C-alpha atoms as a PDB file:
ATOM      1  CA  UNK A   1      58.500  22.692   0.258  1.00  0.00           C
ATOM      2  CA  UNK A   2      56.272  19.788  -0.208  1.00  0.00           C
ATOM      3  CA  UNK A   3      53.115  19.546   0.801  1.00  0.00           C
ATOM      4  CA  UNK A   4      51.710  16.948   2.777  1.00  0.00           C
ATOM      5  CA  UNK A   5      48.176  15.881   4.323  1.00  0.00           C
ATOM      6  CA  UNK A   6      47.834  16.062   7.911  1.00  0.00           C
ATOM      7  CA  UNK A   7      45.639  13.325   9.587  1.00  0.00           C
ATOM      8  CA  UNK A   8      44.107  13.537  12.968  1.00  0.00           C
ATOM      9  CA  UNK A   9      43.659  10.002  14.893  1.00  0.00           C
ATOM     10  CA  UNK A  10      39.686  10.876  15.923  1.00  0.00           C
ATOM     11  CA  UNK A  11      37.249   8.763  14.820  1.00  0.00           C
ATOM     12  CA  UNK A  12      34.308   9.445  12.755  1.00  0.00           C
ATOM     13  CA  UNK A  13      31.509  11.382  14.608  1.00  0.00           C
ATOM     14  CA  UNK A  14      28.885   9.150  12.649  1.00  0.00           C
ATOM     15  CA  UNK A  15      28.716   5.322  13.873  1.00  0.00           C
ATOM     16  CA  UNK A  16      29.238   2.771  11.606  1.00  0.00           C
ATOM     17  CA  UNK A  17      25.989   1.877   9.597  1.00  0.00           C
ATOM     18  CA  UNK A  18      24.140  -1.568  10.361  1.00  0.00           C
ATOM     19  CA  UNK A  19      21.939  -3.412   8.824  1.00  0.00           C
ATOM     20  CA  UNK A  20      18.345  -2.645  10.382  1.00  0.00           C
ATOM     21  CA  UNK A  21      17.099  -5.522  12.631  1.00  0.00           C
ATOM     22  CA  UNK A  22      13.582  -4.497  12.122  1.00  0.00           C
ATOM     23  CA  UNK A  23      13.391  -4.774   8.552  1.00  0.00           C
ATOM     24  CA  UNK A  24      10.684  -7.706   8.640  1.00  0.00           C
ATOM     25  CA  UNK A  25       7.950  -5.366  10.149  1.00  0.00           C
ATOM     26  CA  UNK A  26       8.189  -3.217   6.961  1.00  0.00           C
ATOM     27  CA  UNK A  27       4.650  -3.424   5.180  1.00  0.00           C
ATOM     28  CA  UNK A  28       2.999  -5.263   8.197  1.00  0.00           C
ATOM     29  CA  UNK A  29      -0.469  -3.815   9.294  1.00  0.00           C
ATOM     30  CA  UNK A  30      -2.814  -3.646  11.892  1.00  0.00           C
ATOM     31  CA  UNK A  31      -6.592  -2.244  12.325  1.00  0.00           C
ATOM     32  CA  UNK A  32      -7.609   0.146  14.950  1.00  0.00           C
ATOM     33  CA  UNK A  33     -11.362   1.043  14.548  1.00  0.00           C
ATOM     34  CA  UNK A  34     -11.580   2.432  11.278  1.00  0.00           C
ATOM     35  CA  UNK A  35      -8.042   3.308  10.747  1.00  0.00           C
ATOM     36  CA  UNK A  36      -5.075   0.894   9.405  1.00  0.00           C
ATOM     37  CA  UNK A  37      -1.899   1.269  10.841  1.00  0.00           C
ATOM     38  CA  UNK A  38       1.086   0.506   8.559  1.00  0.00           C
ATOM     39  CA  UNK A  39       4.791   0.004   9.447  1.00  0.00           C
ATOM     40  CA  UNK A  40       6.424   1.587   6.370  1.00  0.00           C
ATOM     41  CA  UNK A  41      10.201   1.417   7.497  1.00  0.00           C
ATOM     42  CA  UNK A  42      12.765   1.697   9.952  1.00  0.00           C
ATOM     43  CA  UNK A  43      13.425   5.455  11.715  1.00  0.00           C
ATOM     44  CA  UNK A  44      16.566   6.662  10.091  1.00  0.00           C
ATOM     45  CA  UNK A  45      17.885   8.209  13.557  1.00  0.00           C
ATOM     46  CA  UNK A  46      17.330   5.316  15.754  1.00  0.00           C
ATOM     47  CA  UNK A  47      17.080   1.746  14.344  1.00  0.00           C
ATOM     48  CA  UNK A  48      15.512   0.217  17.234  1.00  0.00           C
ATOM     49  CA  UNK A  49      12.478   2.375  16.157  1.00  0.00           C
ATOM     50  CA  UNK A  50      10.025   2.149  12.982  1.00  0.00           C
ATOM     51  CA  UNK A  51       7.732   4.629  11.433  1.00  0.00           C
ATOM     52  CA  UNK A  52       3.917   3.877  11.197  1.00  0.00           C
ATOM     53  CA  UNK A  53       1.803   5.591   9.411  1.00  0.00           C
ATOM     54  CA  UNK A  54      -2.278   5.529   9.685  1.00  0.00           C
ATOM     55  CA  UNK A  55      -4.334   5.545   6.525  1.00  0.00           C
ATOM     56  CA  UNK A  56      -7.052   7.672   7.565  1.00  0.00           C
ATOM     57  CA  UNK A  57      -5.612  11.079   7.651  1.00  0.00           C
ATOM     58  CA  UNK A  58      -1.547   9.957   6.799  1.00  0.00           C
ATOM     59  CA  UNK A  59      -0.218  11.232   9.240  1.00  0.00           C
ATOM     60  CA  UNK A  60       2.938   9.187   9.935  1.00  0.00           C
ATOM     61  CA  UNK A  61       5.478   8.791  13.639  1.00  0.00           C
ATOM     62  CA  UNK A  62       7.992   6.706  14.895  1.00  0.00           C
ATOM     63  CA  UNK A  63       7.357   4.282  17.794  1.00  0.00           C
ATOM     64  CA  UNK A  64       9.602   1.463  19.429  1.00  0.00           C
ATOM     65  CA  UNK A  65      10.406  -2.089  17.428  1.00  0.00           C
ATOM     66  CA  UNK A  66       9.262  -3.804  20.643  1.00  0.00           C
ATOM     67  CA  UNK A  67       5.757  -1.969  21.093  1.00  0.00           C
ATOM     68  CA  UNK A  68       4.756  -2.927  17.062  1.00  0.00           C
ATOM     69  CA  UNK A  69       6.216  -6.629  18.010  1.00  0.00           C
ATOM     70  CA  UNK A  70       3.819  -6.935  20.665  1.00  0.00           C
ATOM     71  CA  UNK A  71       1.067  -5.452  18.696  1.00  0.00           C
ATOM     72  CA  UNK A  72       1.402  -8.359  16.112  1.00  0.00           C
ATOM     73  CA  UNK A  73       2.072 -10.747  18.650  1.00  0.00           C
ATOM     74  CA  UNK A  74       0.244 -13.910  17.425  1.00  0.00           C
ATOM     75  CA  UNK A  75      -0.041 -16.781  19.992  1.00  0.00           C
ATOM     76  CA  UNK A  76       0.388 -20.158  19.098  1.00  0.00           C
ATOM     77  CA  UNK A  77      -2.534 -22.058  19.254  1.00  0.00           C
ATOM     78  CA  UNK A  78      -2.703 -25.769  20.086  1.00  0.00           C
ATOM     79  CA  UNK A  79      -4.869 -27.811  17.417  1.00  0.00           C
ATOM     80  CA  UNK A  80      -7.937 -29.685  18.641  1.00  0.00           C
ATOM     81  CA  UNK A  81      -7.118 -33.697  17.993  1.00  0.00           C
END
């Protein structure tokens, strides 16, 4: 009897890893009172969320990347002639 490997036609449970579109936010920070919030990375479970760390006490949490883009929104101002 010859040994044969059996393969099932099921797909992998893990989705294919994509490059995170929000890596440009990493390293950006903003000041809120005495604390400074810094984007430290993209969340591993959801690429649409980023990890934020507060320097005052070292707490870290994740928040939506669209919200961070809204916080960092910079208005384009017209220059005076």
